[in-house]
Amino acid sequence: HHSGIVPWQIACQRSGAKLKVVPITACGELDMATLETLITERTKIVSL
């Protein structure tokens, strides 16, 4: 939802952090394989 996007865009703009996005599949599910690669030691917050 936009309330799960815009606040994080603002937070990243203010801090210099980077916003990463987990893609979805054609049926509307999270791409879990990609999600696992996106979660790294640089990840501080996961919001979903």
PDB file of all heavy atoms in Angstrom:
ATOM      1  N   HIS A   1       0.868  -1.176   0.000  1.00  0.00           N
ATOM      2  CA  HIS A   1       0.000   0.000   0.000  1.00  0.00           C
ATOM      3  C   HIS A   1       0.904   1.225   0.000  1.00  0.00           C
ATOM      4  O   HIS A   1       2.060   1.163   0.419  1.00  0.00           O
ATOM      5  CB  HIS A   1      -0.868  -0.043   1.260  1.00  0.00           C
ATOM      6  CG  HIS A   1      -1.907   1.017   1.359  1.00  0.00           C
ATOM      7  ND1 HIS A   1      -1.630   2.301   1.795  1.00  0.00           N
ATOM      8  CD2 HIS A   1      -3.245   0.993   1.121  1.00  0.00           C
ATOM      9  CE1 HIS A   1      -2.744   3.006   1.814  1.00  0.00           C
ATOM     10  NE2 HIS A   1      -3.742   2.242   1.409  1.00  0.00           N
ATOM     11  N   HIS A   2       0.428   2.359  -0.468  1.00  0.00           N
ATOM     12  CA  HIS A   2       1.250   3.568  -0.500  1.00  0.00           C
ATOM     13  C   HIS A   2       1.810   3.930   0.876  1.00  0.00           C
ATOM     14  O   HIS A   2       2.896   4.505   0.983  1.00  0.00           O
ATOM     15  CB  HIS A   2       0.441   4.743  -1.050  1.00  0.00           C
ATOM     16  CG  HIS A   2       0.105   4.585  -2.509  1.00  0.00           C
ATOM     17  ND1 HIS A   2      -0.822   5.383  -3.149  1.00  0.00           N
ATOM     18  CD2 HIS A   2       0.563   3.716  -3.452  1.00  0.00           C
ATOM     19  CE1 HIS A   2      -0.919   5.019  -4.411  1.00  0.00           C
ATOM     20  NE2 HIS A   2      -0.094   4.004  -4.624  1.00  0.00           N
ATOM     21  N   SER A   3       1.078   3.571   1.939  1.00  0.00           N
ATOM     22  CA  SER A   3       1.568   3.872   3.293  1.00  0.00           C
ATOM     23  C   SER A   3       2.742   2.985   3.676  1.00  0.00           C
ATOM     24  O   SER A   3       3.406   3.239   4.689  1.00  0.00           O
ATOM     25  CB  SER A   3       0.438   3.733   4.320  1.00  0.00           C
ATOM     26  OG  SER A   3      -0.066   2.416   4.335  1.00  0.00           O
ATOM     27  N   GLY A   4       2.999   1.959   2.880  1.00  0.00           N
ATOM     28  CA  GLY A   4       4.169   1.113   3.076  1.00  0.00           C
ATOM     29  C   GLY A   4       5.277   1.420   2.091  1.00  0.00           C
ATOM     30  O   GLY A   4       6.294   0.710   2.055  1.00  0.00           O
ATOM     31  N   ILE A   5       5.090   2.474   1.306  1.00  0.00           N
ATOM     32  CA  ILE A   5       6.101   2.897   0.323  1.00  0.00           C
ATOM     33  C   ILE A   5       6.619   4.292   0.644  1.00  0.00           C
ATOM     34  O   ILE A   5       7.810   4.501   0.865  1.00  0.00           O
ATOM     35  CB  ILE A   5       5.521   2.878  -1.111  1.00  0.00           C
ATOM     36  CG1 ILE A   5       5.035   1.474  -1.499  1.00  0.00           C
ATOM     37  CG2 ILE A   5       6.564   3.370  -2.122  1.00  0.00           C
ATOM     38  CD1 ILE A   5       4.299   1.408  -2.827  1.00  0.00           C
ATOM     39  N   VAL A   6       5.689   5.260   0.679  1.00  0.00           N
ATOM     40  CA  VAL A   6       6.082   6.667   0.799  1.00  0.00           C
ATOM     41  C   VAL A   6       6.859   6.962   2.081  1.00  0.00           C
ATOM     42  O   VAL A   6       7.890   7.662   2.036  1.00  0.00           O
ATOM     43  CB  VAL A   6       4.848   7.588   0.667  1.00  0.00           C
ATOM     44  CG1 VAL A   6       5.252   9.049   0.790  1.00  0.00           C
ATOM     45  CG2 VAL A   6       4.146   7.337  -0.669  1.00  0.00           C
ATOM     46  N   PRO A   7       6.438   6.480   3.265  1.00  0.00           N
ATOM     47  CA  PRO A   7       7.233   6.769   4.467  1.00  0.00           C
ATOM     48  C   PRO A   7       8.670   6.282   4.367  1.00  0.00           C
ATOM     49  O   PRO A   7       9.591   6.935   4.893  1.00  0.00           O
ATOM     50  CB  PRO A   7       6.475   6.032   5.578  1.00  0.00           C
ATOM     51  CG  PRO A   7       5.071   5.956   5.081  1.00  0.00           C
ATOM     52  CD  PRO A   7       5.200   5.738   3.609  1.00  0.00           C
ATOM     53  N   TRP A   8       8.882   5.158   3.678  1.00  0.00           N
ATOM     54  CA  TRP A   8      10.235   4.627   3.538  1.00  0.00           C
ATOM     55  C   TRP A   8      11.032   5.391   2.488  1.00  0.00           C
ATOM     56  O   TRP A   8      12.253   5.528   2.606  1.00  0.00           O
ATOM     57  CB  TRP A   8      10.181   3.134   3.222  1.00  0.00           C
ATOM     58  CG  TRP A   8       9.575   2.374   4.363  1.00  0.00           C
ATOM     59  CD1 TRP A   8       8.423   1.662   4.357  1.00  0.00           C
ATOM     60  CD2 TRP A   8      10.097   2.298   5.689  1.00  0.00           C
ATOM     61  NE1 TRP A   8       8.175   1.139   5.600  1.00  0.00           N
ATOM     62  CE2 TRP A   8       9.196   1.515   6.435  1.00  0.00           C
ATOM     63  CE3 TRP A   8      11.221   2.817   6.324  1.00  0.00           C
ATOM     64  CZ2 TRP A   8       9.397   1.230   7.791  1.00  0.00           C
ATOM     65  CZ3 TRP A   8      11.424   2.536   7.668  1.00  0.00           C
ATOM     66  CH2 TRP A   8      10.523   1.764   8.388  1.00  0.00           C
ATOM     67  N   GLN A   9      10.353   5.889   1.466  1.00  0.00           N
ATOM     68  CA  GLN A   9      11.048   6.766   0.522  1.00  0.00           C
ATOM     69  C   GLN A   9      11.559   8.015   1.240  1.00  0.00           C
ATOM     70  O   GLN A   9      12.702   8.438   1.041  1.00  0.00           O
ATOM     71  CB  GLN A   9      10.105   7.163  -0.624  1.00  0.00           C
ATOM     72  CG  GLN A   9       9.789   6.044  -1.599  1.00  0.00           C
ATOM     73  CD  GLN A   9       8.789   6.476  -2.658  1.00  0.00           C
ATOM     74  OE1 GLN A   9       7.967   7.358  -2.437  1.00  0.00           O
ATOM     75  NE2 GLN A   9       8.855   5.837  -3.825  1.00  0.00           N
ATOM     76  N   ILE A  10      10.711   8.592   2.087  1.00  0.00           N
ATOM     77  CA  ILE A  10      11.103   9.788   2.837  1.00  0.00           C
ATOM     78  C   ILE A  10      12.270   9.478   3.765  1.00  0.00           C
ATOM     79  O   ILE A  10      13.252  10.223   3.847  1.00  0.00           O
ATOM     80  CB  ILE A  10       9.905  10.343   3.630  1.00  0.00           C
ATOM     81  CG1 ILE A  10       8.815  10.841   2.681  1.00  0.00           C
ATOM     82  CG2 ILE A  10      10.344  11.464   4.571  1.00  0.00           C
ATOM     83  CD1 ILE A  10       7.507  11.212   3.376  1.00  0.00           C
ATOM     84  N   ALA A  11      12.180   8.346   4.482  1.00  0.00           N
ATOM     85  CA  ALA A  11      13.233   7.960   5.419  1.00  0.00           C
ATOM     86  C   ALA A  11      14.562   7.741   4.704  1.00  0.00           C
ATOM     87  O   ALA A  11      15.627   8.137   5.197  1.00  0.00           O
ATOM     88  CB  ALA A  11      12.828   6.709   6.186  1.00  0.00           C
ATOM     89  N   CYS A  12      14.498   7.125   3.527  1.00  0.00           N
ATOM     90  CA  CYS A  12      15.729   6.868   2.767  1.00  0.00           C
ATOM     91  C   CYS A  12      16.308   8.158   2.194  1.00  0.00           C
ATOM     92  O   CYS A  12      17.529   8.354   2.180  1.00  0.00           O
ATOM     93  CB  CYS A  12      15.455   5.854   1.658  1.00  0.00           C
ATOM     94  SG  CYS A  12      15.215   4.159   2.263  1.00  0.00           S
ATOM     95  N   GLN A  13      15.452   9.050   1.735  1.00  0.00           N
ATOM     96  CA  GLN A  13      15.930  10.339   1.215  1.00  0.00           C
ATOM     97  C   GLN A  13      16.631  11.144   2.299  1.00  0.00           C
ATOM     98  O   GLN A  13      17.652  11.792   2.054  1.00  0.00           O
ATOM     99  CB  GLN A  13      14.753  11.127   0.632  1.00  0.00           C
ATOM    100  CG  GLN A  13      14.212  10.553  -0.667  1.00  0.00           C
ATOM    101  CD  GLN A  13      12.850  11.133  -1.038  1.00  0.00           C
ATOM    102  OE1 GLN A  13      12.293  11.970  -0.321  1.00  0.00           O
ATOM    103  NE2 GLN A  13      12.289  10.686  -2.157  1.00  0.00           N
ATOM    104  N   ARG A  14      16.108  11.105   3.506  1.00  0.00           N
ATOM    105  CA  ARG A  14      16.687  11.865   4.611  1.00  0.00           C
ATOM    106  C   ARG A  14      18.002  11.261   5.104  1.00  0.00           C
ATOM    107  O   ARG A  14      18.896  11.984   5.548  1.00  0.00           O
ATOM    108  CB  ARG A  14      15.696  11.931   5.772  1.00  0.00           C
ATOM    109  CG  ARG A  14      14.508  12.838   5.502  1.00  0.00           C
ATOM    110  CD  ARG A  14      13.518  12.779   6.648  1.00  0.00           C
ATOM    111  NE  ARG A  14      12.431  13.736   6.471  1.00  0.00           N
ATOM    112  CZ  ARG A  14      11.358  13.804   7.251  1.00  0.00           C
ATOM    113  NH1 ARG A  14      11.222  12.952   8.262  1.00  0.00           N
ATOM    114  NH2 ARG A  14      10.416  14.698   7.025  1.00  0.00           N
ATOM    115  N   SER A  15      18.111   9.940   5.047  1.00  0.00           N
ATOM    116  CA  SER A  15      19.259   9.253   5.650  1.00  0.00           C
ATOM    117  C   SER A  15      20.351   8.867   4.669  1.00  0.00           C
ATOM    118  O   SER A  15      21.483   8.599   5.075  1.00  0.00           O
ATOM    119  CB  SER A  15      18.775   7.995   6.370  1.00  0.00           C
ATOM    120  OG  SER A  15      18.240   7.072   5.414  1.00  0.00           O
ATOM    121  N   GLY A  16      20.009   8.801   3.386  1.00  0.00           N
ATOM    122  CA  GLY A  16      20.958   8.306   2.405  1.00  0.00           C
ATOM    123  C   GLY A  16      20.931   6.796   2.259  1.00  0.00           C
ATOM    124  O   GLY A  16      21.747   6.214   1.543  1.00  0.00           O
ATOM    125  N   ALA A  17      19.978   6.147   2.956  1.00  0.00           N
ATOM    126  CA  ALA A  17      19.815   4.700   2.794  1.00  0.00           C
ATOM    127  C   ALA A  17      19.177   4.395   1.451  1.00  0.00           C
ATOM    128  O   ALA A  17      18.649   5.290   0.769  1.00  0.00           O
ATOM    129  CB  ALA A  17      18.961   4.146   3.930  1.00  0.00           C
ATOM    130  N   LYS A  18      19.188   3.125   1.070  1.00  0.00           N
ATOM    131  CA  LYS A  18      18.667   2.715  -0.231  1.00  0.00           C
ATOM    132  C   LYS A  18      17.413   1.868  -0.039  1.00  0.00           C
ATOM    133  O   LYS A  18      17.350   1.011   0.849  1.00  0.00           O
ATOM    134  CB  LYS A  18      19.725   1.915  -0.982  1.00  0.00           C
ATOM    135  CG  LYS A  18      19.348   1.553  -2.409  1.00  0.00           C
ATOM    136  CD  LYS A  18      20.499   0.857  -3.134  1.00  0.00           C
ATOM    137  CE  LYS A  18      21.663   1.806  -3.351  1.00  0.00           C
ATOM    138  NZ  LYS A  18      22.752   1.179  -4.152  1.00  0.00           N
ATOM    139  N   LEU A  19      16.412   2.124  -0.884  1.00  0.00           N
ATOM    140  CA  LEU A  19      15.160   1.369  -0.838  1.00  0.00           C
ATOM    141  C   LEU A  19      15.222   0.232  -1.846  1.00  0.00           C
ATOM    142  O   LEU A  19      15.466   0.448  -3.031  1.00  0.00           O
ATOM    143  CB  LEU A  19      13.980   2.286  -1.152  1.00  0.00           C
ATOM    144  CG  LEU A  19      12.572   1.703  -0.937  1.00  0.00           C
ATOM    145  CD1 LEU A  19      12.326   1.408   0.537  1.00  0.00           C
ATOM    146  CD2 LEU A  19      11.505   2.662  -1.461  1.00  0.00           C
ATOM    147  N   LYS A  20      15.005  -0.985  -1.360  1.00  0.00           N
ATOM    148  CA  LYS A  20      14.990  -2.172  -2.213  1.00  0.00           C
ATOM    149  C   LYS A  20      13.573  -2.744  -2.250  1.00  0.00           C
ATOM    150  O   LYS A  20      12.830  -2.656  -1.257  1.00  0.00           O
ATOM    151  CB  LYS A  20      15.946  -3.230  -1.674  1.00  0.00           C
ATOM    152  CG  LYS A  20      17.414  -2.821  -1.693  1.00  0.00           C
ATOM    153  CD  LYS A  20      17.995  -2.976  -3.082  1.00  0.00           C
ATOM    154  CE  LYS A  20      19.495  -2.794  -3.077  1.00  0.00           C
ATOM    155  NZ  LYS A  20      20.103  -3.085  -4.383  1.00  0.00           N
ATOM    156  N   VAL A  21      13.209  -3.355  -3.384  1.00  0.00           N
ATOM    157  CA  VAL A  21      11.837  -3.840  -3.563  1.00  0.00           C
ATOM    158  C   VAL A  21      11.840  -5.306  -3.981  1.00  0.00           C
ATOM    159  O   VAL A  21      12.491  -5.679  -4.966  1.00  0.00           O
ATOM    160  CB  VAL A  21      11.088  -3.009  -4.624  1.00  0.00           C
ATOM    161  CG1 VAL A  21       9.646  -3.501  -4.759  1.00  0.00           C
ATOM    162  CG2 VAL A  21      11.113  -1.528  -4.267  1.00  0.00           C
ATOM    163  N   VAL A  22      11.096  -6.128  -3.254  1.00  0.00           N
ATOM    164  CA  VAL A  22      10.932  -7.539  -3.599  1.00  0.00           C
ATOM    165  C   VAL A  22       9.892  -7.649  -4.709  1.00  0.00           C
ATOM    166  O   VAL A  22       8.766  -7.165  -4.552  1.00  0.00           O
ATOM    167  CB  VAL A  22      10.465  -8.364  -2.382  1.00  0.00           C
ATOM    168  CG1 VAL A  22      10.304  -9.835  -2.769  1.00  0.00           C
ATOM    169  CG2 VAL A  22      11.446  -8.222  -1.231  1.00  0.00           C
ATOM    170  N   PRO A  23      10.220  -8.273  -5.842  1.00  0.00           N
ATOM    171  CA  PRO A  23       9.243  -8.384  -6.930  1.00  0.00           C
ATOM    172  C   PRO A  23       8.139  -9.387  -6.619  1.00  0.00           C
ATOM    173  O   PRO A  23       8.248 -10.189  -5.680  1.00  0.00           O
ATOM    174  CB  PRO A  23      10.099  -8.854  -8.113  1.00  0.00           C
ATOM    175  CG  PRO A  23      11.249  -9.577  -7.485  1.00  0.00           C
ATOM    176  CD  PRO A  23      11.523  -8.858  -6.197  1.00  0.00           C
ATOM    177  N   ILE A  24       7.073  -9.326  -7.403  1.00  0.00           N
ATOM    178  CA  ILE A  24       5.994 -10.301  -7.290  1.00  0.00           C
ATOM    179  C   ILE A  24       5.904 -11.120  -8.565  1.00  0.00           C
ATOM    180  O   ILE A  24       6.448 -10.746  -9.607  1.00  0.00           O
ATOM    181  CB  ILE A  24       4.640  -9.617  -7.003  1.00  0.00           C
ATOM    182  CG1 ILE A  24       4.295  -8.591  -8.093  1.00  0.00           C
ATOM    183  CG2 ILE A  24       4.647  -8.974  -5.636  1.00  0.00           C
ATOM    184  CD1 ILE A  24       2.919  -7.949  -7.897  1.00  0.00           C
ATOM    185  N   THR A  25       5.213 -12.236  -8.474  1.00  0.00           N
ATOM    186  CA  THR A  25       5.030 -13.124  -9.618  1.00  0.00           C
ATOM    187  C   THR A  25       3.709 -12.807 -10.309  1.00  0.00           C
ATOM    188  O   THR A  25       2.898 -12.023  -9.805  1.00  0.00           O
ATOM    189  CB  THR A  25       5.035 -14.587  -9.163  1.00  0.00           C
ATOM    190  OG1 THR A  25       3.881 -14.814  -8.319  1.00  0.00           O
ATOM    191  CG2 THR A  25       6.303 -14.922  -8.388  1.00  0.00           C
ATOM    192  N   ALA A  26       3.468 -13.458 -11.439  1.00  0.00           N
ATOM    193  CA  ALA A  26       2.257 -13.193 -12.224  1.00  0.00           C
ATOM    194  C   ALA A  26       0.974 -13.470 -11.452  1.00  0.00           C
ATOM    195  O   ALA A  26      -0.052 -12.817 -11.670  1.00  0.00           O
ATOM    196  CB  ALA A  26       2.282 -14.015 -13.508  1.00  0.00           C
ATOM    197  N   CYS A  27       1.024 -14.429 -10.525  1.00  0.00           N
ATOM    198  CA  CYS A  27      -0.183 -14.748  -9.760  1.00  0.00           C
ATOM    199  C   CYS A  27      -0.346 -13.839  -8.544  1.00  0.00           C
ATOM    200  O   CYS A  27      -1.350 -13.935  -7.834  1.00  0.00           O
ATOM    201  CB  CYS A  27      -0.195 -16.214  -9.339  1.00  0.00           C
ATOM    202  SG  CYS A  27       1.085 -16.655  -8.160  1.00  0.00           S
ATOM    203  N   GLY A  28       0.635 -12.969  -8.292  1.00  0.00           N
ATOM    204  CA  GLY A  28       0.512 -12.027  -7.194  1.00  0.00           C
ATOM    205  C   GLY A  28       1.134 -12.492  -5.899  1.00  0.00           C
ATOM    206  O   GLY A  28       0.747 -12.037  -4.812  1.00  0.00           O
ATOM    207  N   GLU A  29       2.114 -13.379  -5.985  1.00  0.00           N
ATOM    208  CA  GLU A  29       2.844 -13.827  -4.807  1.00  0.00           C
ATOM    209  C   GLU A  29       4.225 -13.187  -4.770  1.00  0.00           C
ATOM    210  O   GLU A  29       4.757 -12.783  -5.807  1.00  0.00           O
ATOM    211  CB  GLU A  29       2.991 -15.352  -4.810  1.00  0.00           C
ATOM    212  CG  GLU A  29       1.672 -16.094  -4.715  1.00  0.00           C
ATOM    213  CD  GLU A  29       1.816 -17.596  -4.831  1.00  0.00           C
ATOM    214  OE1 GLU A  29       2.850 -18.063  -5.368  1.00  0.00           O
ATOM    215  OE2 GLU A  29       0.897 -18.318  -4.391  1.00  0.00           O
ATOM    216  N   LEU A  30       4.816 -13.118  -3.585  1.00  0.00           N
ATOM    217  CA  LEU A  30       6.169 -12.615  -3.480  1.00  0.00           C
ATOM    218  C   LEU A  30       7.154 -13.594  -4.113  1.00  0.00           C
ATOM    219  O   LEU A  30       6.999 -14.815  -3.982  1.00  0.00           O
ATOM    220  CB  LEU A  30       6.560 -12.401  -2.013  1.00  0.00           C
ATOM    221  CG  LEU A  30       5.858 -11.271  -1.263  1.00  0.00           C
ATOM    222  CD1 LEU A  30       6.355 -11.219   0.181  1.00  0.00           C
ATOM    223  CD2 LEU A  30       6.099  -9.933  -1.945  1.00  0.00           C
ATOM    224  N   ASP A  31       8.149 -13.061  -4.792  1.00  0.00           N
ATOM    225  CA  ASP A  31       9.230 -13.876  -5.342  1.00  0.00           C
ATOM    226  C   ASP A  31      10.193 -14.179  -4.194  1.00  0.00           C
ATOM    227  O   ASP A  31      11.098 -13.401  -3.903  1.00  0.00           O
ATOM    228  CB  ASP A  31       9.929 -13.111  -6.466  1.00  0.00           C
ATOM    229  CG  ASP A  31      11.023 -13.908  -7.147  1.00  0.00           C
ATOM    230  OD1 ASP A  31      11.524 -14.870  -6.542  1.00  0.00           O
ATOM    231  OD2 ASP A  31      11.396 -13.543  -8.277  1.00  0.00           O
ATOM    232  N   MET A  32       9.957 -15.293  -3.525  1.00  0.00           N
ATOM    233  CA  MET A  32      10.705 -15.596  -2.307  1.00  0.00           C
ATOM    234  C   MET A  32      12.185 -15.863  -2.584  1.00  0.00           C
ATOM    235  O   MET A  32      13.042 -15.555  -1.743  1.00  0.00           O
ATOM    236  CB  MET A  32      10.075 -16.785  -1.596  1.00  0.00           C
ATOM    237  CG  MET A  32       8.702 -16.487  -1.003  1.00  0.00           C
ATOM    238  SD  MET A  32       8.748 -15.185   0.276  1.00  0.00           S
ATOM    239  CE  MET A  32       9.620 -16.048   1.587  1.00  0.00           C
ATOM    240  N   ALA A  33      12.491 -16.431  -3.734  1.00  0.00           N
ATOM    241  CA  ALA A  33      13.902 -16.683  -4.065  1.00  0.00           C
ATOM    242  C   ALA A  33      14.671 -15.377  -4.156  1.00  0.00           C
ATOM    243  O   ALA A  33      15.782 -15.242  -3.628  1.00  0.00           O
ATOM    244  CB  ALA A  33      14.006 -17.467  -5.369  1.00  0.00           C
ATOM    245  N   THR A  34      14.055 -14.378  -4.809  1.00  0.00           N
ATOM    246  CA  THR A  34      14.702 -13.071  -4.911  1.00  0.00           C
ATOM    247  C   THR A  34      14.745 -12.377  -3.564  1.00  0.00           C
ATOM    248  O   THR A  34      15.737 -11.715  -3.216  1.00  0.00           O
ATOM    249  CB  THR A  34      13.966 -12.190  -5.941  1.00  0.00           C
ATOM    250  OG1 THR A  34      13.987 -12.840  -7.216  1.00  0.00           O
ATOM    251  CG2 THR A  34      14.617 -10.828  -6.057  1.00  0.00           C
ATOM    252  N   LEU A  35      13.688 -12.536  -2.768  1.00  0.00           N
ATOM    253  CA  LEU A  35      13.658 -11.932  -1.442  1.00  0.00           C
ATOM    254  C   LEU A  35      14.854 -12.385  -0.606  1.00  0.00           C
ATOM    255  O   LEU A  35      15.501 -11.579   0.069  1.00  0.00           O
ATOM    256  CB  LEU A  35      12.347 -12.295  -0.731  1.00  0.00           C
ATOM    257  CG  LEU A  35      12.128 -11.716   0.668  1.00  0.00           C
ATOM    258  CD1 LEU A  35      10.656 -11.440   0.908  1.00  0.00           C
ATOM    259  CD2 LEU A  35      12.644 -12.648   1.771  1.00  0.00           C
ATOM    260  N   GLU A  36      15.153 -13.660  -0.661  1.00  0.00           N
ATOM    261  CA  GLU A  36      16.270 -14.182   0.127  1.00  0.00           C
ATOM    262  C   GLU A  36      17.597 -13.576  -0.297  1.00  0.00           C
ATOM    263  O   GLU A  36      18.487 -13.368   0.533  1.00  0.00           O
ATOM    264  CB  GLU A  36      16.311 -15.709   0.030  1.00  0.00           C
ATOM    265  CG  GLU A  36      15.140 -16.394   0.724  1.00  0.00           C
ATOM    266  CD  GLU A  36      15.293 -17.902   0.771  1.00  0.00           C
ATOM    267  OE1 GLU A  36      16.437 -18.378   0.840  1.00  0.00           O
ATOM    268  OE2 GLU A  36      14.266 -18.606   0.747  1.00  0.00           O
ATOM    269  N   THR A  37      17.744 -13.266  -1.581  1.00  0.00           N
ATOM    270  CA  THR A  37      19.001 -12.656  -2.041  1.00  0.00           C
ATOM    271  C   THR A  37      19.074 -11.174  -1.679  1.00  0.00           C
ATOM    272  O   THR A  37      20.165 -10.614  -1.549  1.00  0.00           O
ATOM    273  CB  THR A  37      19.161 -12.808  -3.568  1.00  0.00           C
ATOM    274  OG1 THR A  37      18.164 -12.026  -4.240  1.00  0.00           O
ATOM    275  CG2 THR A  37      19.047 -14.266  -3.990  1.00  0.00           C
ATOM    276  N   LEU A  38      17.901 -10.535  -1.511  1.00  0.00           N
ATOM    277  CA  LEU A  38      17.863  -9.108  -1.205  1.00  0.00           C
ATOM    278  C   LEU A  38      18.094  -8.822   0.279  1.00  0.00           C
ATOM    279  O   LEU A  38      18.456  -7.706   0.649  1.00  0.00           O
ATOM    280  CB  LEU A  38      16.527  -8.502  -1.650  1.00  0.00           C
ATOM    281  CG  LEU A  38      16.321  -8.368  -3.166  1.00  0.00           C
ATOM    282  CD1 LEU A  38      14.900  -7.916  -3.473  1.00  0.00           C
ATOM    283  CD2 LEU A  38      17.338  -7.392  -3.759  1.00  0.00           C
ATOM    284  N   ILE A  39      17.839  -9.802   1.129  1.00  0.00           N
ATOM    285  CA  ILE A  39      18.100  -9.625   2.558  1.00  0.00           C
ATOM    286  C   ILE A  39      19.574  -9.908   2.813  1.00  0.00           C
ATOM    287  O   ILE A  39      20.039 -11.043   2.697  1.00  0.00           O
ATOM    288  CB  ILE A  39      17.212 -10.554   3.410  1.00  0.00           C
ATOM    289  CG1 ILE A  39      15.732 -10.184   3.254  1.00  0.00           C
ATOM    290  CG2 ILE A  39      17.614 -10.468   4.885  1.00  0.00           C
ATOM    291  CD1 ILE A  39      14.789 -11.050   4.060  1.00  0.00           C
ATOM    292  N   THR A  40      20.322  -8.862   3.148  1.00  0.00           N
ATOM    293  CA  THR A  40      21.769  -8.975   3.371  1.00  0.00           C
ATOM    294  C   THR A  40      22.138  -8.264   4.667  1.00  0.00           C
ATOM    295  O   THR A  40      21.271  -7.720   5.363  1.00  0.00           O
ATOM    296  CB  THR A  40      22.559  -8.349   2.205  1.00  0.00           C
ATOM    297  OG1 THR A  40      22.400  -6.912   2.263  1.00  0.00           O
ATOM    298  CG2 THR A  40      22.065  -8.855   0.859  1.00  0.00           C
ATOM    299  N   GLU A  41      23.419  -8.237   4.966  1.00  0.00           N
ATOM    300  CA  GLU A  41      23.874  -7.547   6.173  1.00  0.00           C
ATOM    301  C   GLU A  41      23.638  -6.041   6.099  1.00  0.00           C
ATOM    302  O   GLU A  41      23.664  -5.352   7.112  1.00  0.00           O
ATOM    303  CB  GLU A  41      25.366  -7.831   6.417  1.00  0.00           C
ATOM    304  CG  GLU A  41      26.319  -7.215   5.411  1.00  0.00           C
ATOM    305  CD  GLU A  41      26.419  -8.016   4.116  1.00  0.00           C
ATOM    306  OE1 GLU A  41      25.800  -9.115   4.024  1.00  0.00           O
ATOM    307  OE2 GLU A  41      27.125  -7.548   3.198  1.00  0.00           O
ATOM    308  N   ARG A  42      23.357  -5.516   4.895  1.00  0.00           N
ATOM    309  CA  ARG A  42      23.045  -4.095   4.750  1.00  0.00           C
ATOM    310  C   ARG A  42      21.581  -3.792   5.073  1.00  0.00           C
ATOM    311  O   ARG A  42      21.211  -2.635   5.280  1.00  0.00           O
ATOM    312  CB  ARG A  42      23.370  -3.616   3.331  1.00  0.00           C
ATOM    313  CG  ARG A  42      24.855  -3.617   2.991  1.00  0.00           C
ATOM    314  CD  ARG A  42      25.116  -3.017   1.617  1.00  0.00           C
ATOM    315  NE  ARG A  42      24.458  -3.787   0.559  1.00  0.00           N
ATOM    316  CZ  ARG A  42      24.974  -4.865  -0.028  1.00  0.00           C
ATOM    317  NH1 ARG A  42      26.174  -5.302   0.346  1.00  0.00           N
ATOM    318  NH2 ARG A  42      24.325  -5.502  -0.982  1.00  0.00           N
ATOM    319  N   THR A  43      20.749  -4.824   5.102  1.00  0.00           N
ATOM    320  CA  THR A  43      19.319  -4.642   5.376  1.00  0.00           C
ATOM    321  C   THR A  43      19.100  -4.320   6.843  1.00  0.00           C
ATOM    322  O   THR A  43      19.474  -5.095   7.726  1.00  0.00           O
ATOM    323  CB  THR A  43      18.528  -5.916   5.012  1.00  0.00           C
ATOM    324  OG1 THR A  43      18.828  -6.312   3.677  1.00  0.00           O
ATOM    325  CG2 THR A  43      17.034  -5.662   5.139  1.00  0.00           C
ATOM    326  N   LYS A  44      18.492  -3.189   7.110  1.00  0.00           N
ATOM    327  CA  LYS A  44      18.219  -2.780   8.482  1.00  0.00           C
ATOM    328  C   LYS A  44      16.747  -2.938   8.849  1.00  0.00           C
ATOM    329  O   LYS A  44      16.411  -3.160  10.008  1.00  0.00           O
ATOM    330  CB  LYS A  44      18.645  -1.319   8.705  1.00  0.00           C
ATOM    331  CG  LYS A  44      20.117  -1.055   8.419  1.00  0.00           C
ATOM    332  CD  LYS A  44      21.027  -1.953   9.247  1.00  0.00           C
ATOM    333  CE  LYS A  44      22.494  -1.730   8.904  1.00  0.00           C
ATOM    334  NZ  LYS A  44      23.377  -2.684   9.623  1.00  0.00           N
ATOM    335  N   ILE A  45      15.884  -2.778   7.846  1.00  0.00           N
ATOM    336  CA  ILE A  45      14.437  -2.841   8.083  1.00  0.00           C
ATOM    337  C   ILE A  45      13.775  -3.590   6.937  1.00  0.00           C
ATOM    338  O   ILE A  45      14.092  -3.350   5.768  1.00  0.00           O
ATOM    339  CB  ILE A  45      13.825  -1.430   8.187  1.00  0.00           C
ATOM    340  CG1 ILE A  45      14.435  -0.667   9.365  1.00  0.00           C
ATOM    341  CG2 ILE A  45      12.304  -1.498   8.330  1.00  0.00           C
ATOM    342  CD1 ILE A  45      14.150   0.816   9.337  1.00  0.00           C
ATOM    343  N   VAL A  46      12.855  -4.493   7.278  1.00  0.00           N
ATOM    344  CA  VAL A  46      11.984  -5.135   6.299  1.00  0.00           C
ATOM    345  C   VAL A  46      10.559  -4.745   6.654  1.00  0.00           C
ATOM    346  O   VAL A  46      10.114  -4.948   7.788  1.00  0.00           O
ATOM    347  CB  VAL A  46      12.137  -6.663   6.306  1.00  0.00           C
ATOM    348  CG1 VAL A  46      11.151  -7.306   5.323  1.00  0.00           C
ATOM    349  CG2 VAL A  46      13.570  -7.075   5.969  1.00  0.00           C
ATOM    350  N   SER A  47       9.837  -4.153   5.706  1.00  0.00           N
ATOM    351  CA  SER A  47       8.477  -3.691   5.943  1.00  0.00           C
ATOM    352  C   SER A  47       7.564  -4.284   4.875  1.00  0.00           C
ATOM    353  O   SER A  47       7.833  -4.132   3.677  1.00  0.00           O
ATOM    354  CB  SER A  47       8.423  -2.158   5.904  1.00  0.00           C
ATOM    355  OG  SER A  47       7.105  -1.688   6.093  1.00  0.00           O
ATOM    356  N   LEU A  48       6.499  -4.958   5.295  1.00  0.00           N
ATOM    357  CA  LEU A  48       5.631  -5.607   4.312  1.00  0.00           C
ATOM    358  C   LEU A  48       4.214  -5.773   4.835  1.00  0.00           C
ATOM    359  O   LEU A  48       3.974  -5.774   6.037  1.00  0.00           O
ATOM    360  CB  LEU A  48       6.186  -6.968   3.913  1.00  0.00           C
ATOM    361  CG  LEU A  48       6.019  -8.136   4.900  1.00  0.00           C
ATOM    362  CD1 LEU A  48       6.158  -9.455   4.168  1.00  0.00           C
ATOM    363  CD2 LEU A  48       6.995  -8.056   6.063  1.00  0.00           C
TER     364      LEU A  48
END
